[in-house]
């Protein structure tokens, strides 16, 4: 039987490389992560919240919300 690829080297774990396609895929993933991080940073920067809003309301009584009572709106009705 004849050798199909007479110029091919013996393939080992050290001779096989990802090549150009691997680099392109890695670069596209890196750019995608960078875009998502910029978007997340921009969206988090738009959040407006009050410091200590959940501590006390109307001068003394603790806030009564679902997280402090452990009940949701669906189970309370």
N, C-alpha and C. Protein backbone atom coordinates (compact mmCIF):
# COMPACT_ATOMS: atom_id res chain seq x y z
N UNK A 1 0.85 -1.19 0.00
CA UNK A 1 0.00 0.00 0.00
C UNK A 1 0.89 1.25 0.00
N UNK A 2 0.51 2.26 -0.76
CA UNK A 2 1.33 3.46 -0.86
C UNK A 2 0.96 4.45 0.23
N UNK A 3 1.93 5.24 0.64
CA UNK A 3 1.70 6.26 1.66
C UNK A 3 0.98 7.45 1.03
N UNK A 4 -0.15 7.84 1.60
CA UNK A 4 -0.97 8.93 1.04
C UNK A 4 -0.27 10.27 1.21
N UNK A 5 0.35 10.49 2.34
CA UNK A 5 1.04 11.76 2.60
C UNK A 5 2.52 11.48 2.84
N UNK A 6 3.32 11.41 1.80
CA UNK A 6 4.73 11.06 1.98
C UNK A 6 5.54 12.13 2.71
N UNK A 7 5.08 13.37 2.71
CA UNK A 7 5.84 14.45 3.34
C UNK A 7 5.37 14.74 4.77
N UNK A 8 4.37 14.03 5.25
CA UNK A 8 3.83 14.29 6.59
C UNK A 8 4.80 13.78 7.64
N UNK A 9 4.96 14.56 8.70
CA UNK A 9 5.80 14.16 9.82
C UNK A 9 5.00 13.27 10.76
N UNK A 10 5.70 12.63 11.64
CA UNK A 10 5.00 11.84 12.65
C UNK A 10 4.30 12.80 13.60
N UNK A 11 3.01 12.59 13.84
CA UNK A 11 2.24 13.49 14.68
C UNK A 11 2.34 13.06 16.14
N UNK A 12 2.79 13.99 16.97
CA UNK A 12 2.83 13.79 18.42
C UNK A 12 2.12 14.95 19.07
N UNK A 13 2.04 14.90 20.39
CA UNK A 13 1.37 15.99 21.09
C UNK A 13 2.15 17.31 20.99
N UNK A 14 3.42 17.24 20.60
CA UNK A 14 4.24 18.44 20.48
C UNK A 14 4.25 19.02 19.07
N UNK A 15 3.84 18.23 18.08
CA UNK A 15 3.87 18.72 16.71
C UNK A 15 2.52 19.24 16.25
N UNK A 16 1.43 18.90 16.93
CA UNK A 16 0.10 19.36 16.55
C UNK A 16 -0.15 20.70 17.22
N UNK A 17 -0.49 21.72 16.43
CA UNK A 17 -0.75 23.05 16.96
C UNK A 17 -2.13 23.52 16.52
N UNK A 18 -2.72 24.48 17.22
CA UNK A 18 -4.05 24.96 16.84
C UNK A 18 -4.06 25.70 15.51
N UNK A 19 -2.97 26.33 15.14
CA UNK A 19 -2.88 27.00 13.85
C UNK A 19 -3.62 28.33 13.82
N UNK A 20 -3.84 28.80 12.61
CA UNK A 20 -4.47 30.10 12.39
C UNK A 20 -5.93 30.09 12.83
N UNK A 21 -6.64 29.01 12.55
CA UNK A 21 -8.05 28.93 12.94
C UNK A 21 -8.20 29.00 14.46
N UNK A 22 -7.33 28.33 15.18
CA UNK A 22 -7.37 28.39 16.65
C UNK A 22 -7.12 29.80 17.15
N UNK A 23 -6.17 30.50 16.54
CA UNK A 23 -5.89 31.88 16.94
C UNK A 23 -7.09 32.78 16.66
N UNK A 24 -7.72 32.61 15.51
CA UNK A 24 -8.88 33.44 15.15
C UNK A 24 -10.03 33.20 16.13
N UNK A 25 -10.30 31.94 16.46
CA UNK A 25 -11.38 31.63 17.41
C UNK A 25 -11.06 32.22 18.77
N UNK A 26 -9.83 32.09 19.23
CA UNK A 26 -9.43 32.65 20.52
C UNK A 26 -9.55 34.17 20.53
N UNK A 27 -9.16 34.81 19.44
CA UNK A 27 -9.25 36.28 19.35
C UNK A 27 -10.70 36.73 19.35
N UNK A 28 -11.57 36.02 18.63
CA UNK A 28 -12.99 36.38 18.61
C UNK A 28 -13.61 36.23 19.99
N UNK A 29 -13.26 35.15 20.70
CA UNK A 29 -13.77 34.98 22.07
C UNK A 29 -13.27 36.10 22.98
N UNK A 30 -12.03 36.50 22.84
CA UNK A 30 -11.50 37.59 23.65
C UNK A 30 -12.20 38.90 23.39
N UNK A 31 -12.45 39.21 22.13
CA UNK A 31 -13.18 40.44 21.79
C UNK A 31 -14.61 40.38 22.31
N UNK A 32 -15.23 39.21 22.22
CA UNK A 32 -16.60 39.06 22.74
C UNK A 32 -16.67 39.29 24.24
N UNK A 33 -15.71 38.75 24.99
CA UNK A 33 -15.67 38.97 26.44
C UNK A 33 -15.46 40.44 26.75
N UNK A 34 -14.59 41.09 26.00
CA UNK A 34 -14.33 42.52 26.23
C UNK A 34 -15.60 43.35 25.99
N UNK A 35 -16.34 43.04 24.93
CA UNK A 35 -17.58 43.77 24.63
C UNK A 35 -18.61 43.53 25.73
N UNK A 36 -18.74 42.29 26.19
CA UNK A 36 -19.70 42.00 27.25
C UNK A 36 -19.33 42.70 28.56
N UNK A 37 -18.05 42.76 28.89
CA UNK A 37 -17.64 43.46 30.11
C UNK A 37 -17.91 44.96 30.02
N UNK A 38 -17.67 45.56 28.84
CA UNK A 38 -17.98 46.98 28.67
C UNK A 38 -19.48 47.23 28.82
N UNK A 39 -20.30 46.35 28.23
CA UNK A 39 -21.74 46.50 28.32
C UNK A 39 -22.22 46.36 29.76
N UNK A 40 -21.68 45.36 30.47
CA UNK A 40 -22.07 45.16 31.86
C UNK A 40 -21.67 46.36 32.71
N UNK A 41 -20.48 46.88 32.48
CA UNK A 41 -20.03 48.05 33.24
C UNK A 41 -20.92 49.25 32.99
N UNK A 42 -21.32 49.44 31.73
CA UNK A 42 -22.20 50.55 31.39
C UNK A 42 -23.57 50.38 32.05
N UNK A 43 -24.12 49.18 32.03
CA UNK A 43 -25.43 48.95 32.64
C UNK A 43 -25.38 49.08 34.16
N UNK A 44 -24.32 48.61 34.78
CA UNK A 44 -24.19 48.76 36.23
C UNK A 44 -24.00 50.22 36.62
N UNK A 45 -23.38 51.00 35.75
CA UNK A 45 -23.21 52.42 36.03
C UNK A 45 -24.51 53.20 35.99
N UNK A 46 -25.52 52.66 35.29
CA UNK A 46 -26.82 53.34 35.20
C UNK A 46 -27.74 53.05 36.37
N UNK A 47 -27.39 52.09 37.23
CA UNK A 47 -28.23 51.73 38.36
C UNK A 47 -28.19 52.84 39.39
N UNK A 48 -29.36 53.27 39.82
CA UNK A 48 -29.47 54.30 40.84
C UNK A 48 -30.06 53.65 42.09
N UNK A 49 -29.35 53.71 43.19
CA UNK A 49 -29.84 53.11 44.42
C UNK A 49 -29.52 54.03 45.59
N UNK A 50 -30.28 53.86 46.65
CA UNK A 50 -30.06 54.66 47.85
C UNK A 50 -29.27 53.82 48.85
N UNK A 51 -28.26 54.42 49.47
CA UNK A 51 -27.50 53.73 50.49
C UNK A 51 -28.38 53.55 51.73
N UNK A 52 -28.47 52.35 52.24
CA UNK A 52 -29.22 52.10 53.47
C UNK A 52 -30.72 52.14 53.29
N UNK A 53 -31.24 52.00 52.10
CA UNK A 53 -32.69 52.08 51.88
C UNK A 53 -33.41 50.91 52.51
N UNK A 54 -32.79 49.76 52.62
CA UNK A 54 -33.45 48.59 53.18
C UNK A 54 -33.33 48.47 54.68
N UNK A 55 -32.61 49.38 55.34
CA UNK A 55 -32.41 49.26 56.78
C UNK A 55 -33.66 49.64 57.58
N UNK A 56 -34.12 50.86 57.46
CA UNK A 56 -35.30 51.31 58.21
C UNK A 56 -36.11 52.27 57.35
N UNK A 57 -37.42 52.19 57.52
CA UNK A 57 -38.31 53.12 56.80
C UNK A 57 -39.16 53.88 57.82
N UNK A 58 -39.50 55.08 57.51
CA UNK A 58 -40.38 55.94 58.31
C UNK A 58 -39.94 56.05 59.78
N UNK A 59 -38.67 56.19 60.01
CA UNK A 59 -38.17 56.53 61.33
C UNK A 59 -38.29 55.47 62.40
N UNK A 60 -37.99 54.22 62.16
CA UNK A 60 -37.92 53.31 63.29
C UNK A 60 -38.28 51.87 63.02
N UNK A 61 -39.27 51.62 62.23
CA UNK A 61 -39.64 50.22 62.01
C UNK A 61 -38.81 49.61 60.90
N UNK A 62 -38.40 48.36 61.07
CA UNK A 62 -37.64 47.71 60.00
C UNK A 62 -38.48 47.53 58.74
N UNK A 63 -37.83 47.52 57.62
CA UNK A 63 -38.53 47.35 56.36
C UNK A 63 -39.10 45.94 56.27
N UNK A 64 -40.35 45.84 55.80
CA UNK A 64 -41.00 44.53 55.64
C UNK A 64 -41.11 44.24 54.14
N UNK A 65 -40.19 43.44 53.65
CA UNK A 65 -40.25 43.04 52.26
C UNK A 65 -40.17 41.52 52.19
N UNK A 66 -40.22 40.97 50.98
CA UNK A 66 -40.24 39.51 50.83
C UNK A 66 -38.97 38.86 51.35
N UNK A 67 -37.84 39.54 51.20
CA UNK A 67 -36.58 38.93 51.62
C UNK A 67 -36.49 38.81 53.13
N UNK A 68 -37.07 39.73 53.89
CA UNK A 68 -36.97 39.66 55.34
C UNK A 68 -38.01 38.71 55.93
N UNK A 69 -39.15 38.53 55.28
CA UNK A 69 -40.16 37.63 55.81
C UNK A 69 -40.02 36.22 55.29
N UNK A 70 -39.30 36.04 54.19
CA UNK A 70 -39.11 34.73 53.61
C UNK A 70 -40.30 34.24 52.80
N UNK A 71 -41.25 35.09 52.52
CA UNK A 71 -42.44 34.72 51.76
C UNK A 71 -42.49 35.52 50.49
N UNK A 72 -42.96 34.92 49.44
CA UNK A 72 -43.11 35.64 48.18
C UNK A 72 -44.55 36.09 48.02
N UNK A 73 -44.81 36.89 47.01
CA UNK A 73 -46.15 37.40 46.76
C UNK A 73 -47.11 36.27 46.39
N UNK A 74 -46.62 35.23 45.74
CA UNK A 74 -47.48 34.13 45.31
C UNK A 74 -47.94 33.28 46.47
N UNK A 75 -47.11 33.11 47.51
CA UNK A 75 -47.49 32.28 48.64
C UNK A 75 -48.27 33.03 49.68
N UNK A 76 -48.24 34.35 49.68
CA UNK A 76 -48.94 35.11 50.72
C UNK A 76 -50.41 35.32 50.38
N UNK A 77 -50.86 35.09 49.16
CA UNK A 77 -52.27 35.31 48.84
C UNK A 77 -53.08 34.05 48.86
